[in-house]
Amino acid sequence: MKTLIICLMSLIIVATQAQETRIFSLSPMTKNIQKVNGLVVGIGHFQEPDHVQTINGVNLDVMVFSPLITVLAVMHGRVYDYPQDEKTKVVSNGLNLAIGGYMGDVEHNGLSVALYNIANKSTGLGIHPAFNLTEKSVGTHISAFVNAGKYSQGLNVALYNRHEYMTGVQIGVINKSLHLKGIQIGLFNRSKTLKGLQLGFINSNGKRTLPFINF
């Protein structure tokens, strides 16, 4: 009898683990999924799980309303509002391909190609035709219009780059940073404190304002 009970408990544990870890899932993922080692396909991640859900592999989002979300964000002036101190619910490690993009509460590590990106943290290479709003970004992030966040390390390229703490390079028409360690290259560059170089038409920092080059 004791052996039978142990066997039943073992089967229950195995079944539970098989339910929580998968190689394929639709999104939004069900709350019981803890990890997907493979492929996730769907309309995005809007679920509220009790645990952090991890994707190791490919995340493919086909949210058809993403262009509308982009237009609304521009109309309401929300293209600079990056997430702040939000609890992470999804961690994506690998490749993210999306018509739209993340809507916060997410950490992404790897390559992300999406219309826009709103995330707690992005590490790696991000390519976004609209905007990238990330509390902390590490790596290279290229957006057509806006890169904005609190902390950034690496290279940021967009028409408008704005970060509170920037270590690396900002390239754009307008570059802003409260604290910069690195280089700003653009028409208008502004930083409250600077340890580095500014190259542009107008360059302003806490020490001076100069045309063409500032340090």
N, C-alpha and C. Protein backbone atom coordinates (compact mmCIF):
# COMPACT_ATOMS: atom_id res chain seq x y z
N MET A 1 0.83 -1.21 0.00
CA MET A 1 0.00 0.00 0.00
C MET A 1 0.87 1.26 0.00
N LYS A 2 1.91 1.22 0.79
CA LYS A 2 2.82 2.36 0.88
C LYS A 2 3.49 2.60 -0.47
N THR A 3 3.87 1.52 -1.12
CA THR A 3 4.50 1.64 -2.44
C THR A 3 3.53 2.23 -3.46
N LEU A 4 2.27 1.83 -3.39
CA LEU A 4 1.24 2.34 -4.29
C LEU A 4 1.03 3.83 -4.11
N ILE A 5 1.00 4.27 -2.86
CA ILE A 5 0.81 5.70 -2.55
C ILE A 5 1.98 6.52 -3.10
N ILE A 6 3.20 6.02 -2.91
CA ILE A 6 4.39 6.71 -3.41
C ILE A 6 4.35 6.82 -4.94
N CYS A 7 3.94 5.73 -5.59
CA CYS A 7 3.83 5.74 -7.06
C CYS A 7 2.79 6.74 -7.55
N LEU A 8 1.65 6.79 -6.85
CA LEU A 8 0.60 7.75 -7.23
C LEU A 8 1.07 9.18 -7.06
N MET A 9 1.75 9.46 -5.94
CA MET A 9 2.28 10.80 -5.69
C MET A 9 3.30 11.18 -6.75
N SER A 10 4.13 10.22 -7.14
CA SER A 10 5.13 10.49 -8.17
C SER A 10 4.48 10.82 -9.50
N LEU A 11 3.41 10.10 -9.84
CA LEU A 11 2.69 10.36 -11.08
C LEU A 11 2.05 11.75 -11.07
N ILE A 12 1.50 12.13 -9.92
CA ILE A 12 0.89 13.46 -9.79
C ILE A 12 1.94 14.55 -9.98
N ILE A 13 3.12 14.36 -9.38
CA ILE A 13 4.20 15.35 -9.50
C ILE A 13 4.65 15.48 -10.94
N VAL A 14 4.84 14.33 -11.62
CA VAL A 14 5.25 14.34 -13.01
C VAL A 14 4.21 15.02 -13.89
N ALA A 15 2.94 14.73 -13.65
CA ALA A 15 1.86 15.34 -14.43
C ALA A 15 1.83 16.85 -14.24
N THR A 16 2.03 17.28 -12.99
CA THR A 16 2.04 18.71 -12.69
C THR A 16 3.19 19.41 -13.39
N GLN A 17 4.38 18.78 -13.34
CA GLN A 17 5.53 19.37 -13.99
C GLN A 17 5.33 19.44 -15.49
N ALA A 18 4.73 18.40 -16.07
CA ALA A 18 4.47 18.40 -17.51
C ALA A 18 3.50 19.50 -17.88
N GLN A 19 2.60 19.81 -16.98
CA GLN A 19 1.61 20.86 -17.23
C GLN A 19 2.26 22.23 -17.14
N GLU A 20 3.23 22.41 -16.26
CA GLU A 20 3.83 23.71 -16.03
C GLU A 20 4.94 24.03 -17.02
N THR A 21 5.63 23.03 -17.56
CA THR A 21 6.70 23.24 -18.51
C THR A 21 6.32 22.63 -19.85
N ARG A 22 6.36 23.45 -20.91
CA ARG A 22 5.93 22.99 -22.22
C ARG A 22 6.94 23.39 -23.29
N ILE A 23 6.77 22.80 -24.47
CA ILE A 23 7.60 23.20 -25.61
C ILE A 23 6.81 24.09 -26.57
N PHE A 24 5.50 24.19 -26.35
CA PHE A 24 4.66 25.06 -27.18
C PHE A 24 3.49 25.59 -26.36
N SER A 25 3.13 26.85 -26.61
CA SER A 25 1.96 27.41 -25.95
C SER A 25 1.39 28.54 -26.79
N LEU A 26 0.10 28.72 -26.65
CA LEU A 26 -0.54 29.90 -27.20
C LEU A 26 -0.44 31.03 -26.18
N SER A 27 -0.52 32.27 -26.65
CA SER A 27 -0.56 33.40 -25.73
C SER A 27 -1.84 34.19 -25.97
N PRO A 28 -2.45 34.72 -24.88
CA PRO A 28 -1.96 34.69 -23.51
C PRO A 28 -1.83 33.26 -22.97
N MET A 29 -0.75 33.00 -22.25
CA MET A 29 -0.54 31.69 -21.68
C MET A 29 -1.46 31.49 -20.48
N THR A 30 -1.86 30.24 -20.24
CA THR A 30 -2.68 29.96 -19.07
C THR A 30 -1.85 30.16 -17.81
N LYS A 31 -2.53 30.40 -16.71
CA LYS A 31 -1.85 30.76 -15.47
C LYS A 31 -0.97 29.64 -14.91
N ASN A 32 -1.28 28.39 -15.26
CA ASN A 32 -0.53 27.29 -14.68
C ASN A 32 0.81 27.05 -15.38
N ILE A 33 1.02 27.67 -16.53
CA ILE A 33 2.28 27.48 -17.25
C ILE A 33 3.38 28.29 -16.58
N GLN A 34 4.46 27.63 -16.24
CA GLN A 34 5.59 28.31 -15.62
C GLN A 34 6.72 28.57 -16.61
N LYS A 35 6.91 27.65 -17.56
CA LYS A 35 8.02 27.78 -18.48
C LYS A 35 7.67 27.13 -19.82
N VAL A 36 8.12 27.80 -20.92
CA VAL A 36 7.99 27.24 -22.25
C VAL A 36 9.38 27.20 -22.87
N ASN A 37 9.87 26.02 -23.18
CA ASN A 37 11.15 25.85 -23.85
C ASN A 37 10.88 25.52 -25.32
N GLY A 38 10.66 26.54 -26.11
CA GLY A 38 10.30 26.29 -27.50
C GLY A 38 9.65 27.48 -28.15
N LEU A 39 8.34 27.37 -28.43
CA LEU A 39 7.63 28.38 -29.21
C LEU A 39 6.35 28.81 -28.53
N VAL A 40 6.14 30.14 -28.48
CA VAL A 40 4.88 30.72 -28.01
C VAL A 40 4.31 31.58 -29.13
N VAL A 41 3.05 31.33 -29.51
CA VAL A 41 2.39 32.06 -30.59
C VAL A 41 1.04 32.56 -30.08
N GLY A 42 0.73 33.82 -30.37
CA GLY A 42 -0.58 34.32 -29.96
C GLY A 42 -0.71 35.81 -30.11
N ILE A 43 -1.56 36.40 -29.29
CA ILE A 43 -1.86 37.83 -29.40
C ILE A 43 -1.19 38.67 -28.33
N GLY A 44 -0.38 38.04 -27.47
CA GLY A 44 0.31 38.81 -26.45
C GLY A 44 0.16 38.23 -25.06
N HIS A 45 0.71 38.92 -24.09
CA HIS A 45 0.74 38.42 -22.71
C HIS A 45 -0.02 39.40 -21.81
N PHE A 46 -1.28 39.06 -21.55
CA PHE A 46 -2.12 39.91 -20.72
C PHE A 46 -2.58 39.18 -19.46
N GLN A 47 -2.13 37.96 -19.29
CA GLN A 47 -2.54 37.16 -18.14
C GLN A 47 -1.89 37.68 -16.87
N GLU A 48 -2.44 37.30 -15.73
CA GLU A 48 -1.91 37.70 -14.43
C GLU A 48 -1.56 36.44 -13.63
N PRO A 49 -0.45 35.78 -13.94
CA PRO A 49 -0.08 34.56 -13.21
C PRO A 49 0.42 34.88 -11.82
N ASP A 50 0.38 33.87 -10.95
CA ASP A 50 0.90 34.04 -9.59
C ASP A 50 2.40 33.90 -9.53
N HIS A 51 3.01 33.48 -10.64
CA HIS A 51 4.45 33.27 -10.69
C HIS A 51 4.98 33.88 -11.99
N VAL A 52 6.29 34.04 -12.07
CA VAL A 52 6.91 34.56 -13.29
C VAL A 52 6.91 33.46 -14.35
N GLN A 53 6.43 33.79 -15.53
CA GLN A 53 6.42 32.84 -16.64
C GLN A 53 7.62 33.11 -17.55
N THR A 54 8.34 32.04 -17.92
CA THR A 54 9.57 32.18 -18.69
C THR A 54 9.42 31.52 -20.05
N ILE A 55 9.88 32.25 -21.08
CA ILE A 55 9.89 31.72 -22.45
C ILE A 55 11.34 31.62 -22.88
N ASN A 56 11.80 30.39 -23.16
CA ASN A 56 13.13 30.16 -23.70
C ASN A 56 12.99 29.69 -25.13
N GLY A 57 13.20 30.58 -26.08
CA GLY A 57 13.02 30.20 -27.47
C GLY A 57 12.47 31.35 -28.30
N VAL A 58 11.31 31.14 -28.92
CA VAL A 58 10.73 32.12 -29.83
C VAL A 58 9.35 32.55 -29.33
N ASN A 59 9.16 33.86 -29.26
CA ASN A 59 7.86 34.41 -28.91
C ASN A 59 7.33 35.19 -30.11
N LEU A 60 6.20 34.75 -30.65
CA LEU A 60 5.62 35.37 -31.84
C LEU A 60 4.26 35.95 -31.49
N ASP A 61 4.15 37.29 -31.53
CA ASP A 61 2.89 37.97 -31.22
C ASP A 61 2.29 38.54 -32.50
N VAL A 62 1.00 38.29 -32.70
CA VAL A 62 0.32 38.78 -33.90
C VAL A 62 -0.88 39.63 -33.50
N MET A 63 -0.65 40.54 -32.57
CA MET A 63 -1.70 41.43 -32.10
C MET A 63 -2.05 42.44 -33.19
N VAL A 64 -3.22 42.26 -33.84
CA VAL A 64 -3.59 43.08 -35.00
C VAL A 64 -3.95 44.52 -34.61
N PHE A 65 -4.21 44.76 -33.32
CA PHE A 65 -4.58 46.11 -32.89
C PHE A 65 -3.36 46.95 -32.52
N SER A 66 -2.16 46.41 -32.71
CA SER A 66 -0.95 47.13 -32.32
C SER A 66 -0.77 48.48 -33.02
N PRO A 67 -1.04 48.59 -34.34
CA PRO A 67 -0.94 49.92 -34.95
C PRO A 67 -1.87 50.94 -34.31
N LEU A 68 -3.08 50.50 -33.90
CA LEU A 68 -4.01 51.39 -33.21
C LEU A 68 -3.45 51.82 -31.86
N ILE A 69 -2.84 50.88 -31.15
CA ILE A 69 -2.23 51.20 -29.85
C ILE A 69 -1.13 52.24 -30.04
N THR A 70 -0.36 52.11 -31.11
CA THR A 70 0.71 53.07 -31.39
C THR A 70 0.13 54.46 -31.64
N VAL A 71 -0.93 54.55 -32.44
CA VAL A 71 -1.56 55.84 -32.74
C VAL A 71 -2.11 56.47 -31.48
N LEU A 72 -2.78 55.69 -30.63
CA LEU A 72 -3.34 56.22 -29.38
C LEU A 72 -2.23 56.71 -28.44
N ALA A 73 -1.12 55.99 -28.40
CA ALA A 73 -0.01 56.41 -27.55
C ALA A 73 0.55 57.75 -28.00
N VAL A 74 0.63 57.95 -29.31
CA VAL A 74 1.12 59.23 -29.84
C VAL A 74 0.11 60.34 -29.56
N MET A 75 -1.17 60.06 -29.78
CA MET A 75 -2.21 61.08 -29.58
C MET A 75 -2.28 61.55 -28.14
N HIS A 76 -2.07 60.63 -27.20
CA HIS A 76 -2.19 60.98 -25.78
C HIS A 76 -0.83 61.29 -25.14
N GLY A 77 0.19 61.42 -25.95
CA GLY A 77 1.50 61.79 -25.44
C GLY A 77 2.13 60.78 -24.51
N ARG A 78 1.89 59.48 -24.77
CA ARG A 78 2.39 58.44 -23.89
C ARG A 78 3.64 57.75 -24.42
N VAL A 79 4.24 58.30 -25.46
CA VAL A 79 5.40 57.65 -26.06
C VAL A 79 6.69 57.90 -25.27
N TYR A 80 6.58 58.55 -24.12
CA TYR A 80 7.74 58.75 -23.26
C TYR A 80 7.57 58.07 -21.90
N ASP A 81 6.42 57.47 -21.65
CA ASP A 81 6.10 56.91 -20.34
C ASP A 81 6.57 55.46 -20.24
N TYR A 82 7.77 55.29 -19.76
CA TYR A 82 8.30 53.94 -19.59
C TYR A 82 7.83 53.36 -18.25
N PRO A 83 7.78 52.01 -18.13
CA PRO A 83 7.36 51.40 -16.86
C PRO A 83 8.34 51.76 -15.74
N GLN A 84 7.81 51.88 -14.54
CA GLN A 84 8.66 52.18 -13.38
C GLN A 84 8.26 51.29 -12.21
N ASP A 85 9.23 50.48 -11.77
CA ASP A 85 9.07 49.62 -10.58
C ASP A 85 7.86 48.69 -10.70
N GLU A 86 7.58 48.21 -11.89
CA GLU A 86 6.48 47.27 -12.07
C GLU A 86 6.96 45.83 -11.88
N LYS A 87 6.09 44.99 -11.37
CA LYS A 87 6.43 43.59 -11.13
C LYS A 87 6.48 42.84 -12.45
N THR A 88 7.59 42.13 -12.68
CA THR A 88 7.75 41.36 -13.90
C THR A 88 6.88 40.11 -13.86
N LYS A 89 6.15 39.85 -14.94
CA LYS A 89 5.31 38.65 -15.01
C LYS A 89 5.75 37.69 -16.10
N VAL A 90 6.51 38.21 -17.10
CA VAL A 90 7.00 37.35 -18.19
C VAL A 90 8.47 37.67 -18.46
N VAL A 91 9.29 36.63 -18.55
CA VAL A 91 10.69 36.77 -18.95
C VAL A 91 10.87 36.01 -20.25
N SER A 92 11.30 36.71 -21.29
CA SER A 92 11.48 36.10 -22.61
C SER A 92 12.97 36.07 -22.95
N ASN A 93 13.48 34.88 -23.15
CA ASN A 93 14.89 34.70 -23.50
C ASN A 93 14.98 34.11 -24.91
N GLY A 94 15.46 34.90 -25.86
CA GLY A 94 15.56 34.39 -27.21
C GLY A 94 15.11 35.40 -28.24
N LEU A 95 14.21 34.98 -29.11
CA LEU A 95 13.76 35.79 -30.24
C LEU A 95 12.31 36.23 -30.05
N ASN A 96 12.08 37.53 -30.15
CA ASN A 96 10.72 38.07 -30.08
C ASN A 96 10.39 38.74 -31.40
N LEU A 97 9.36 38.25 -32.07
CA LEU A 97 8.88 38.83 -33.32
C LEU A 97 7.43 39.22 -33.12
N ALA A 98 7.11 40.50 -33.39
CA ALA A 98 5.75 40.93 -33.06
C ALA A 98 5.29 42.04 -33.98
N ILE A 99 4.01 41.98 -34.38
CA ILE A 99 3.38 43.12 -35.04
C ILE A 99 3.35 44.28 -34.06
N GLY A 100 3.07 43.96 -32.81
CA GLY A 100 3.02 44.97 -31.77
C GLY A 100 4.26 44.93 -30.91
N GLY A 101 4.10 44.56 -29.67
CA GLY A 101 5.22 44.52 -28.76
C GLY A 101 4.73 44.29 -27.36
N TYR A 102 5.63 44.30 -26.44
CA TYR A 102 5.28 44.08 -25.04
C TYR A 102 4.57 45.32 -24.49
N MET A 103 3.79 45.10 -23.44
CA MET A 103 3.05 46.19 -22.82
C MET A 103 3.45 46.36 -21.36
N GLY A 104 4.73 46.24 -21.07
CA GLY A 104 5.20 46.37 -19.69
C GLY A 104 5.16 45.04 -18.97
N ASP A 105 5.63 45.02 -17.72
CA ASP A 105 5.64 43.83 -16.87
C ASP A 105 6.48 42.70 -17.46
N VAL A 106 7.41 43.02 -18.37
CA VAL A 106 8.14 41.99 -19.11
C VAL A 106 9.63 42.31 -19.11
N GLU A 107 10.43 41.25 -19.10
CA GLU A 107 11.87 41.36 -19.32
C GLU A 107 12.22 40.55 -20.55
N HIS A 108 12.97 41.16 -21.46
CA HIS A 108 13.34 40.45 -22.69
C HIS A 108 14.86 40.42 -22.84
N ASN A 109 15.38 39.23 -23.12
CA ASN A 109 16.81 39.05 -23.34
C ASN A 109 17.02 38.37 -24.68
N GLY A 110 17.69 39.06 -25.60
CA GLY A 110 17.92 38.48 -26.91
C GLY A 110 17.64 39.48 -28.02
N LEU A 111 17.02 39.02 -29.08
CA LEU A 111 16.67 39.85 -30.23
C LEU A 111 15.17 40.11 -30.25
N SER A 112 14.81 41.39 -30.32
CA SER A 112 13.40 41.77 -30.37
C SER A 112 13.16 42.65 -31.59
N VAL A 113 12.24 42.21 -32.46
CA VAL A 113 11.84 43.00 -33.61
C VAL A 113 10.33 43.18 -33.51
N ALA A 114 9.90 44.40 -33.19
CA ALA A 114 8.49 44.65 -32.95
C ALA A 114 8.17 46.11 -33.25
N LEU A 115 6.90 46.37 -33.56
CA LEU A 115 6.48 47.73 -33.86
C LEU A 115 6.84 48.68 -32.73
N TYR A 116 6.62 48.24 -31.51
CA TYR A 116 7.01 49.02 -30.34
C TYR A 116 7.40 48.05 -29.23
N ASN A 117 8.03 48.59 -28.20
CA ASN A 117 8.42 47.77 -27.06
C ASN A 117 8.21 48.56 -25.78
N ILE A 118 7.44 47.99 -24.84
CA ILE A 118 7.27 48.59 -23.51
C ILE A 118 7.62 47.49 -22.52
N ALA A 119 8.71 47.66 -21.79
CA ALA A 119 9.20 46.57 -20.96
C ALA A 119 9.91 47.10 -19.72
N ASN A 120 9.97 46.25 -18.69
CA ASN A 120 10.76 46.59 -17.52
C ASN A 120 12.25 46.62 -17.84
N LYS A 121 12.69 45.59 -18.63
CA LYS A 121 14.10 45.48 -18.96
C LYS A 121 14.26 44.84 -20.33
N SER A 122 15.17 45.37 -21.13
CA SER A 122 15.49 44.80 -22.43
C SER A 122 17.00 44.69 -22.56
N THR A 123 17.47 43.48 -22.81
CA THR A 123 18.89 43.22 -22.95
C THR A 123 19.14 42.56 -24.30
N GLY A 124 20.05 43.13 -25.07
CA GLY A 124 20.37 42.56 -26.37
C GLY A 124 20.19 43.56 -27.48
N LEU A 125 19.54 43.13 -28.57
CA LEU A 125 19.30 43.98 -29.73
C LEU A 125 17.80 44.17 -29.91
N GLY A 126 17.38 45.43 -29.95
CA GLY A 126 15.97 45.75 -30.17
C GLY A 126 15.81 46.63 -31.39
N ILE A 127 14.91 46.25 -32.29
CA ILE A 127 14.63 47.03 -33.50
C ILE A 127 13.13 47.32 -33.52
N HIS A 128 12.76 48.62 -33.47
CA HIS A 128 11.36 48.99 -33.31
C HIS A 128 11.01 50.16 -34.24
N PRO A 129 10.12 49.95 -35.21
CA PRO A 129 9.73 51.01 -36.13
C PRO A 129 9.02 52.20 -35.47
N ALA A 130 8.50 52.01 -34.26
CA ALA A 130 7.80 53.11 -33.58
C ALA A 130 8.62 53.62 -32.39
N PHE A 131 8.51 52.96 -31.22
CA PHE A 131 9.18 53.46 -30.03
C PHE A 131 9.58 52.32 -29.11
N ASN A 132 10.51 52.64 -28.21
CA ASN A 132 11.02 51.69 -27.23
C ASN A 132 11.02 52.37 -25.87
N LEU A 133 10.18 51.89 -24.95
CA LEU A 133 10.07 52.46 -23.62
C LEU A 133 10.45 51.38 -22.61
N THR A 134 11.64 51.49 -22.05
CA THR A 134 12.16 50.46 -21.17
C THR A 134 12.79 51.09 -19.95
N GLU A 135 12.39 50.62 -18.77
CA GLU A 135 12.97 51.18 -17.55
C GLU A 135 14.49 50.99 -17.54
N LYS A 136 14.95 49.81 -17.93
CA LYS A 136 16.39 49.55 -18.01
C LYS A 136 16.70 48.81 -19.30
N SER A 137 17.60 49.36 -20.09
CA SER A 137 17.99 48.72 -21.34
C SER A 137 19.50 48.54 -21.38
N VAL A 138 19.92 47.39 -21.90
CA VAL A 138 21.33 47.07 -22.04
C VAL A 138 21.53 46.51 -23.44
N GLY A 139 22.45 47.10 -24.20
CA GLY A 139 22.72 46.62 -25.54
C GLY A 139 22.45 47.70 -26.58
N THR A 140 21.95 47.29 -27.74
CA THR A 140 21.66 48.20 -28.85
C THR A 140 20.16 48.25 -29.10
N HIS A 141 19.62 49.47 -29.10
CA HIS A 141 18.18 49.65 -29.33
C HIS A 141 17.98 50.72 -30.39
N ILE A 142 17.35 50.31 -31.49
CA ILE A 142 17.14 51.19 -32.63
C ILE A 142 15.64 51.37 -32.83
N SER A 143 15.18 52.62 -32.75
CA SER A 143 13.77 52.93 -32.94
C SER A 143 13.64 54.09 -33.92
N ALA A 144 12.56 54.10 -34.67
CA ALA A 144 12.37 55.18 -35.63
C ALA A 144 12.15 56.52 -34.94
N PHE A 145 11.37 56.51 -33.85
CA PHE A 145 10.97 57.77 -33.25
C PHE A 145 11.55 58.01 -31.85
N VAL A 146 11.31 57.09 -30.90
CA VAL A 146 11.66 57.37 -29.51
C VAL A 146 12.33 56.17 -28.84
N ASN A 147 13.42 56.45 -28.13
CA ASN A 147 13.98 55.55 -27.13
C ASN A 147 13.93 56.30 -25.81
N ALA A 148 13.27 55.75 -24.81
CA ALA A 148 13.17 56.44 -23.52
C ALA A 148 13.25 55.43 -22.40
N GLY A 149 13.84 55.86 -21.27
CA GLY A 149 13.93 54.98 -20.12
C GLY A 149 14.66 55.64 -18.98
N LYS A 150 14.80 54.89 -17.89
CA LYS A 150 15.50 55.41 -16.73
C LYS A 150 16.98 55.11 -16.79
N TYR A 151 17.33 53.85 -17.02
CA TYR A 151 18.73 53.44 -17.11
C TYR A 151 19.00 52.85 -18.49
N SER A 152 20.14 53.20 -19.07
CA SER A 152 20.50 52.62 -20.35
C SER A 152 22.01 52.46 -20.45
N GLN A 153 22.42 51.30 -20.94
CA GLN A 153 23.82 51.01 -21.19
C GLN A 153 23.95 50.49 -22.61
N GLY A 154 24.78 51.16 -23.43
CA GLY A 154 24.98 50.67 -24.78
C GLY A 154 24.75 51.75 -25.82
N LEU A 155 24.06 51.39 -26.90
CA LEU A 155 23.82 52.28 -28.03
C LEU A 155 22.32 52.46 -28.23
N ASN A 156 21.90 53.73 -28.33
CA ASN A 156 20.50 54.05 -28.60
C ASN A 156 20.43 54.96 -29.82
N VAL A 157 19.63 54.54 -30.81
CA VAL A 157 19.47 55.31 -32.04
C VAL A 157 17.98 55.57 -32.27
N ALA A 158 17.60 56.84 -32.40
CA ALA A 158 16.22 57.23 -32.68
C ALA A 158 16.19 58.72 -32.99
N LEU A 159 15.06 59.18 -33.49
CA LEU A 159 14.92 60.62 -33.67
C LEU A 159 15.06 61.34 -32.33
N TYR A 160 14.50 60.74 -31.28
CA TYR A 160 14.53 61.35 -29.95
C TYR A 160 14.93 60.30 -28.92
N ASN A 161 16.03 60.55 -28.25
CA ASN A 161 16.51 59.67 -27.18
C ASN A 161 16.44 60.42 -25.85
N ARG A 162 15.83 59.79 -24.84
CA ARG A 162 15.74 60.44 -23.53
C ARG A 162 15.92 59.40 -22.44
N HIS A 163 16.98 59.55 -21.65
CA HIS A 163 17.26 58.64 -20.55
C HIS A 163 17.75 59.44 -19.35
N GLU A 164 17.37 58.98 -18.18
CA GLU A 164 17.83 59.66 -16.97
C GLU A 164 19.30 59.36 -16.71
N TYR A 165 19.66 58.08 -16.77
CA TYR A 165 21.05 57.67 -16.56
C TYR A 165 21.52 56.92 -17.79
N MET A 166 22.45 57.51 -18.53
CA MET A 166 22.89 56.93 -19.79
C MET A 166 24.40 56.67 -19.75
N THR A 167 24.77 55.44 -20.04
CA THR A 167 26.17 55.07 -20.19
C THR A 167 26.34 54.46 -21.57
N GLY A 168 27.01 55.19 -22.47
CA GLY A 168 27.17 54.70 -23.82
C GLY A 168 27.00 55.81 -24.84
N VAL A 169 26.23 55.52 -25.89
CA VAL A 169 26.10 56.45 -27.02
C VAL A 169 24.63 56.67 -27.36
N GLN A 170 24.25 57.94 -27.49
CA GLN A 170 22.94 58.32 -28.00
C GLN A 170 23.13 58.98 -29.36
N ILE A 171 22.41 58.50 -30.37
CA ILE A 171 22.48 59.08 -31.70
C ILE A 171 21.05 59.41 -32.15
N GLY A 172 20.82 60.69 -32.46
CA GLY A 172 19.48 61.09 -32.89
C GLY A 172 19.44 62.55 -33.24
N VAL A 173 18.25 63.04 -33.58
CA VAL A 173 18.08 64.47 -33.82
C VAL A 173 18.13 65.22 -32.49
N ILE A 174 17.43 64.69 -31.47
CA ILE A 174 17.44 65.27 -30.13
C ILE A 174 17.86 64.19 -29.14
N ASN A 175 18.85 64.49 -28.33
CA ASN A 175 19.32 63.56 -27.30
C ASN A 175 19.28 64.26 -25.95
N LYS A 176 18.63 63.62 -24.97
CA LYS A 176 18.55 64.18 -23.63
C LYS A 176 18.93 63.14 -22.60
N SER A 177 19.61 63.58 -21.57
CA SER A 177 19.97 62.71 -20.46
C SER A 177 20.26 63.57 -19.23
N LEU A 178 19.79 63.11 -18.07
CA LEU A 178 20.14 63.83 -16.86
C LEU A 178 21.61 63.61 -16.52
N HIS A 179 22.05 62.36 -16.60
CA HIS A 179 23.43 62.01 -16.27
C HIS A 179 23.98 61.13 -17.38
N LEU A 180 25.00 61.62 -18.05
CA LEU A 180 25.56 60.93 -19.20
C LEU A 180 27.03 60.60 -18.99
N LYS A 181 27.37 59.34 -19.23
CA LYS A 181 28.77 58.91 -19.33
C LYS A 181 28.93 58.30 -20.71
N GLY A 182 29.47 59.11 -21.64
CA GLY A 182 29.58 58.61 -23.00
C GLY A 182 29.51 59.73 -24.01
N ILE A 183 28.76 59.50 -25.09
CA ILE A 183 28.73 60.42 -26.21
C ILE A 183 27.28 60.65 -26.68
N GLN A 184 26.97 61.90 -26.97
CA GLN A 184 25.72 62.26 -27.62
C GLN A 184 26.05 62.82 -29.00
N ILE A 185 25.38 62.29 -30.03
CA ILE A 185 25.59 62.75 -31.40
C ILE A 185 24.22 63.10 -31.99
N GLY A 186 24.01 64.40 -32.31
CA GLY A 186 22.73 64.82 -32.85
C GLY A 186 22.72 66.30 -33.14
N LEU A 187 21.57 66.81 -33.56
CA LEU A 187 21.46 68.25 -33.77
C LEU A 187 21.41 69.00 -32.44
N PHE A 188 20.61 68.46 -31.49
CA PHE A 188 20.47 69.11 -30.19
C PHE A 188 20.77 68.08 -29.10
N ASN A 189 21.76 68.36 -28.31
CA ASN A 189 22.18 67.46 -27.23
C ASN A 189 22.12 68.19 -25.90
N ARG A 190 21.55 67.50 -24.90
CA ARG A 190 21.43 68.13 -23.59
C ARG A 190 21.65 67.10 -22.49
N SER A 191 22.44 67.48 -21.50
CA SER A 191 22.68 66.62 -20.35
C SER A 191 22.99 67.49 -19.14
N LYS A 192 22.43 67.11 -17.99
CA LYS A 192 22.68 67.89 -16.78
C LYS A 192 24.10 67.71 -16.30
N THR A 193 24.56 66.46 -16.26
CA THR A 193 25.96 66.17 -15.94
C THR A 193 26.54 65.33 -17.06
N LEU A 194 27.80 65.58 -17.39
CA LEU A 194 28.42 64.92 -18.53
C LEU A 194 29.84 64.48 -18.21
N LYS A 195 30.11 63.22 -18.47
CA LYS A 195 31.47 62.70 -18.48
C LYS A 195 31.68 62.07 -19.85
N GLY A 196 32.07 62.91 -20.80
CA GLY A 196 32.20 62.41 -22.15
C GLY A 196 32.20 63.54 -23.15
N LEU A 197 31.42 63.37 -24.23
CA LEU A 197 31.50 64.29 -25.35
C LEU A 197 30.12 64.48 -25.98
N GLN A 198 29.85 65.70 -26.42
CA GLN A 198 28.64 66.02 -27.17
C GLN A 198 29.03 66.57 -28.53
N LEU A 199 28.44 66.02 -29.59
CA LEU A 199 28.71 66.46 -30.95
C LEU A 199 27.39 66.81 -31.61
N GLY A 200 27.21 68.11 -31.97
CA GLY A 200 25.95 68.50 -32.58
C GLY A 200 25.89 69.98 -32.86
N PHE A 201 24.74 70.45 -33.33
CA PHE A 201 24.55 71.86 -33.65
C PHE A 201 24.52 72.71 -32.37
N ILE A 202 23.75 72.25 -31.37
CA ILE A 202 23.72 72.90 -30.07
C ILE A 202 23.95 71.83 -29.00
N ASN A 203 24.90 72.07 -28.13
CA ASN A 203 25.26 71.11 -27.08
C ASN A 203 25.24 71.80 -25.72
N SER A 204 24.46 71.24 -24.81
CA SER A 204 24.32 71.86 -23.50
C SER A 204 24.53 70.83 -22.39
N ASN A 205 25.32 71.22 -21.38
CA ASN A 205 25.46 70.40 -20.18
C ASN A 205 25.53 71.31 -18.97
N GLY A 206 25.80 70.76 -17.81
CA GLY A 206 25.80 71.55 -16.59
C GLY A 206 26.90 72.60 -16.54
N LYS A 207 27.91 72.45 -17.38
CA LYS A 207 29.04 73.38 -17.36
C LYS A 207 28.89 74.52 -18.36
N ARG A 208 28.41 74.19 -19.58
CA ARG A 208 28.41 75.19 -20.64
C ARG A 208 27.49 74.76 -21.78
N THR A 209 27.21 75.72 -22.67
CA THR A 209 26.49 75.46 -23.91
C THR A 209 27.35 75.91 -25.07
N LEU A 210 27.63 74.97 -25.99
CA LEU A 210 28.52 75.27 -27.11
C LEU A 210 27.97 74.66 -28.40
N PRO A 211 28.28 75.29 -29.53
CA PRO A 211 27.94 74.67 -30.81
C PRO A 211 28.98 73.62 -31.21
N PHE A 212 28.55 72.66 -31.96
CA PHE A 212 29.41 71.67 -32.62
C PHE A 212 30.04 70.64 -31.69
N ILE A 213 30.72 71.09 -30.63
CA ILE A 213 31.37 70.14 -29.74
C ILE A 213 31.36 70.67 -28.31
N ASN A 214 31.11 69.77 -27.37
CA ASN A 214 31.08 70.14 -25.96
C ASN A 214 31.60 68.97 -25.14
N PHE A 215 32.10 69.29 -23.95
CA PHE A 215 32.69 68.25 -23.10
C PHE A 215 32.60 68.66 -21.63
